[in-house]
C-alpha atoms as a PDB file:
ATOM      1  CA  UNK A   1     -32.898   4.337  26.091  1.00  0.00           C
ATOM      2  CA  UNK A   2     -34.284   2.279  23.195  1.00  0.00           C
ATOM      3  CA  UNK A   3     -32.718   4.705  20.728  1.00  0.00           C
ATOM      4  CA  UNK A   4     -29.319   4.252  22.380  1.00  0.00           C
ATOM      5  CA  UNK A   5     -29.577   0.458  22.087  1.00  0.00           C
ATOM      6  CA  UNK A   6     -30.445   0.665  18.401  1.00  0.00           C
ATOM      7  CA  UNK A   7     -27.404   2.821  17.704  1.00  0.00           C
ATOM      8  CA  UNK A   8     -25.177   0.373  19.655  1.00  0.00           C
ATOM      9  CA  UNK A   9     -26.458  -2.481  17.534  1.00  0.00           C
ATOM     10  CA  UNK A  10     -25.843  -0.532  14.331  1.00  0.00           C
ATOM     11  CA  UNK A  11     -22.290   0.357  15.385  1.00  0.00           C
ATOM     12  CA  UNK A  12     -21.471  -3.266  16.244  1.00  0.00           C
ATOM     13  CA  UNK A  13     -23.046  -4.768  13.143  1.00  0.00           C
ATOM     14  CA  UNK A  14     -21.131  -7.660  11.699  1.00  0.00           C
ATOM     15  CA  UNK A  15     -21.362  -7.870   7.948  1.00  0.00           C
ATOM     16  CA  UNK A  16     -22.565 -11.217   6.719  1.00  0.00           C
ATOM     17  CA  UNK A  17     -19.910 -13.271   5.013  1.00  0.00           C
ATOM     18  CA  UNK A  18     -20.655 -15.186   1.860  1.00  0.00           C
ATOM     19  CA  UNK A  19     -20.709 -18.941   2.488  1.00  0.00           C
ATOM     20  CA  UNK A  20     -18.023 -21.224   1.127  1.00  0.00           C
ATOM     21  CA  UNK A  21     -18.564 -22.577  -2.363  1.00  0.00           C
ATOM     22  CA  UNK A  22     -17.300 -26.097  -3.064  1.00  0.00           C
ATOM     23  CA  UNK A  23     -16.548 -26.700  -6.728  1.00  0.00           C
ATOM     24  CA  UNK A  24     -15.487 -29.889  -8.522  1.00  0.00           C
ATOM     25  CA  UNK A  25     -12.300 -29.551 -10.587  1.00  0.00           C
ATOM     26  CA  UNK A  26     -11.333 -31.946 -13.386  1.00  0.00           C
ATOM     27  CA  UNK A  27      -7.653 -32.894 -13.252  1.00  0.00           C
ATOM     28  CA  UNK A  28      -5.418 -34.758 -15.698  1.00  0.00           C
ATOM     29  CA  UNK A  29      -2.879 -36.537 -13.505  1.00  0.00           C
ATOM     30  CA  UNK A  30      -0.044 -39.030 -13.774  1.00  0.00           C
ATOM     31  CA  UNK A  31       1.351 -41.525 -11.311  1.00  0.00           C
ATOM     32  CA  UNK A  32       3.978 -44.219 -11.642  1.00  0.00           C
ATOM     33  CA  UNK A  33       1.517 -46.892 -10.531  1.00  0.00           C
ATOM     34  CA  UNK A  34      -1.464 -45.796 -12.639  1.00  0.00           C
ATOM     35  CA  UNK A  35       0.055 -43.878 -15.519  1.00  0.00           C
ATOM     36  CA  UNK A  36      -2.156 -41.099 -16.898  1.00  0.00           C
ATOM     37  CA  UNK A  37      -5.600 -40.799 -15.359  1.00  0.00           C
ATOM     38  CA  UNK A  38      -8.439 -38.339 -14.830  1.00  0.00           C
ATOM     39  CA  UNK A  39      -9.522 -37.402 -11.329  1.00  0.00           C
ATOM     40  CA  UNK A  40     -11.549 -34.697  -9.611  1.00  0.00           C
ATOM     41  CA  UNK A  41     -10.498 -32.343  -6.861  1.00  0.00           C
ATOM     42  CA  UNK A  42     -12.397 -29.776  -4.822  1.00  0.00           C
ATOM     43  CA  UNK A  43     -11.806 -26.028  -5.007  1.00  0.00           C
ATOM     44  CA  UNK A  44     -13.172 -23.997  -2.104  1.00  0.00           C
ATOM     45  CA  UNK A  45     -13.954 -20.337  -2.718  1.00  0.00           C
ATOM     46  CA  UNK A  46     -15.428 -17.518  -0.703  1.00  0.00           C
ATOM     47  CA  UNK A  47     -16.304 -14.115  -2.082  1.00  0.00           C
ATOM     48  CA  UNK A  48     -14.649 -15.086  -5.376  1.00  0.00           C
ATOM     49  CA  UNK A  49     -11.283 -15.996  -3.833  1.00  0.00           C
ATOM     50  CA  UNK A  50      -9.797 -19.473  -3.644  1.00  0.00           C
ATOM     51  CA  UNK A  51      -9.507 -20.513  -0.002  1.00  0.00           C
ATOM     52  CA  UNK A  52      -8.429 -24.129  -0.398  1.00  0.00           C
ATOM     53  CA  UNK A  53      -7.872 -26.830  -3.009  1.00  0.00           C
ATOM     54  CA  UNK A  54      -7.842 -30.583  -2.472  1.00  0.00           C
ATOM     55  CA  UNK A  55      -6.472 -32.533  -5.412  1.00  0.00           C
ATOM     56  CA  UNK A  56      -7.303 -36.065  -6.577  1.00  0.00           C
ATOM     57  CA  UNK A  57     -10.313 -36.825  -4.371  1.00  0.00           C
ATOM     58  CA  UNK A  58     -12.073 -39.306  -6.675  1.00  0.00           C
ATOM     59  CA  UNK A  59     -12.384 -40.447 -10.268  1.00  0.00           C
ATOM     60  CA  UNK A  60     -16.191 -40.487  -9.969  1.00  0.00           C
ATOM     61  CA  UNK A  61     -17.614 -37.304 -11.512  1.00  0.00           C
ATOM     62  CA  UNK A  62     -21.145 -37.777 -10.172  1.00  0.00           C
ATOM     63  CA  UNK A  63     -19.888 -38.440  -6.651  1.00  0.00           C
ATOM     64  CA  UNK A  64     -17.693 -35.316  -6.553  1.00  0.00           C
ATOM     65  CA  UNK A  65     -20.496 -33.153  -7.943  1.00  0.00           C
ATOM     66  CA  UNK A  66     -22.835 -34.460  -5.251  1.00  0.00           C
ATOM     67  CA  UNK A  67     -20.231 -34.032  -2.507  1.00  0.00           C
ATOM     68  CA  UNK A  68     -19.550 -30.428  -3.552  1.00  0.00           C
ATOM     69  CA  UNK A  69     -23.264 -29.611  -3.791  1.00  0.00           C
ATOM     70  CA  UNK A  70     -23.969 -30.995  -0.307  1.00  0.00           C
ATOM     71  CA  UNK A  71     -20.975 -29.204   1.239  1.00  0.00           C
ATOM     72  CA  UNK A  72     -22.089 -25.904  -0.312  1.00  0.00           C
ATOM     73  CA  UNK A  73     -25.768 -26.394   0.523  1.00  0.00           C
ATOM     74  CA  UNK A  74     -25.115 -27.296   4.159  1.00  0.00           C
ATOM     75  CA  UNK A  75     -22.618 -24.472   4.682  1.00  0.00           C
ATOM     76  CA  UNK A  76     -19.739 -26.757   5.598  1.00  0.00           C
ATOM     77  CA  UNK A  77     -16.861 -24.966   7.265  1.00  0.00           C
ATOM     78  CA  UNK A  78     -13.641 -25.419   5.328  1.00  0.00           C
ATOM     79  CA  UNK A  79     -12.079 -26.558   8.619  1.00  0.00           C
ATOM     80  CA  UNK A  80     -14.069 -29.805   8.346  1.00  0.00           C
ATOM     81  CA  UNK A  81     -13.539 -30.517   4.650  1.00  0.00           C
ATOM     82  CA  UNK A  82     -10.776 -33.102   5.104  1.00  0.00           C
ATOM     83  CA  UNK A  83     -12.877 -35.019   7.658  1.00  0.00           C
ATOM     84  CA  UNK A  84     -15.790 -35.114   5.217  1.00  0.00           C
ATOM     85  CA  UNK A  85     -13.517 -36.259   2.370  1.00  0.00           C
ATOM     86  CA  UNK A  86     -12.009 -38.978   4.586  1.00  0.00           C
ATOM     87  CA  UNK A  87     -15.480 -40.231   5.530  1.00  0.00           C
ATOM     88  CA  UNK A  88     -16.515 -40.131   1.887  1.00  0.00           C
ATOM     89  CA  UNK A  89     -13.490 -42.177   0.796  1.00  0.00           C
ATOM     90  CA  UNK A  90     -13.554 -44.670   3.694  1.00  0.00           C
ATOM     91  CA  UNK A  91     -17.254 -45.342   3.801  1.00  0.00           C
ATOM     92  CA  UNK A  92     -18.300 -44.552   0.274  1.00  0.00           C
ATOM     93  CA  UNK A  93     -20.791 -42.140   1.786  1.00  0.00           C
ATOM     94  CA  UNK A  94     -20.819 -39.125   4.033  1.00  0.00           C
ATOM     95  CA  UNK A  95     -23.068 -36.980   6.127  1.00  0.00           C
ATOM     96  CA  UNK A  96     -22.741 -33.239   6.347  1.00  0.00           C
ATOM     97  CA  UNK A  97     -24.795 -31.345   8.889  1.00  0.00           C
ATOM     98  CA  UNK A  98     -25.445 -27.641   8.646  1.00  0.00           C
ATOM     99  CA  UNK A  99     -22.525 -25.486   9.761  1.00  0.00           C
ATOM    100  CA  UNK A 100     -20.314 -28.494  10.498  1.00  0.00           C
END
């Protein structure tokens, strides 16, 4: 009986998926109101493939690096990225909990 259960578990194994990686991206942008400016976006990758890209999040390099590091470290689901960015922009701070 125990042997049968072990084989069932092995057959139904789910391979672990690499967590999302959140990477800051330097952008050279132009707008009618601001002219030329430098901003940072966020590239989201998983298993080496780009999953999402959010352009023009902030002009603050240190803030975007910190935001990306926290999102990666806490295992933020890409489904919640826009909420985290909105909180970051509205409040000047943010809180990411594990597996948000």
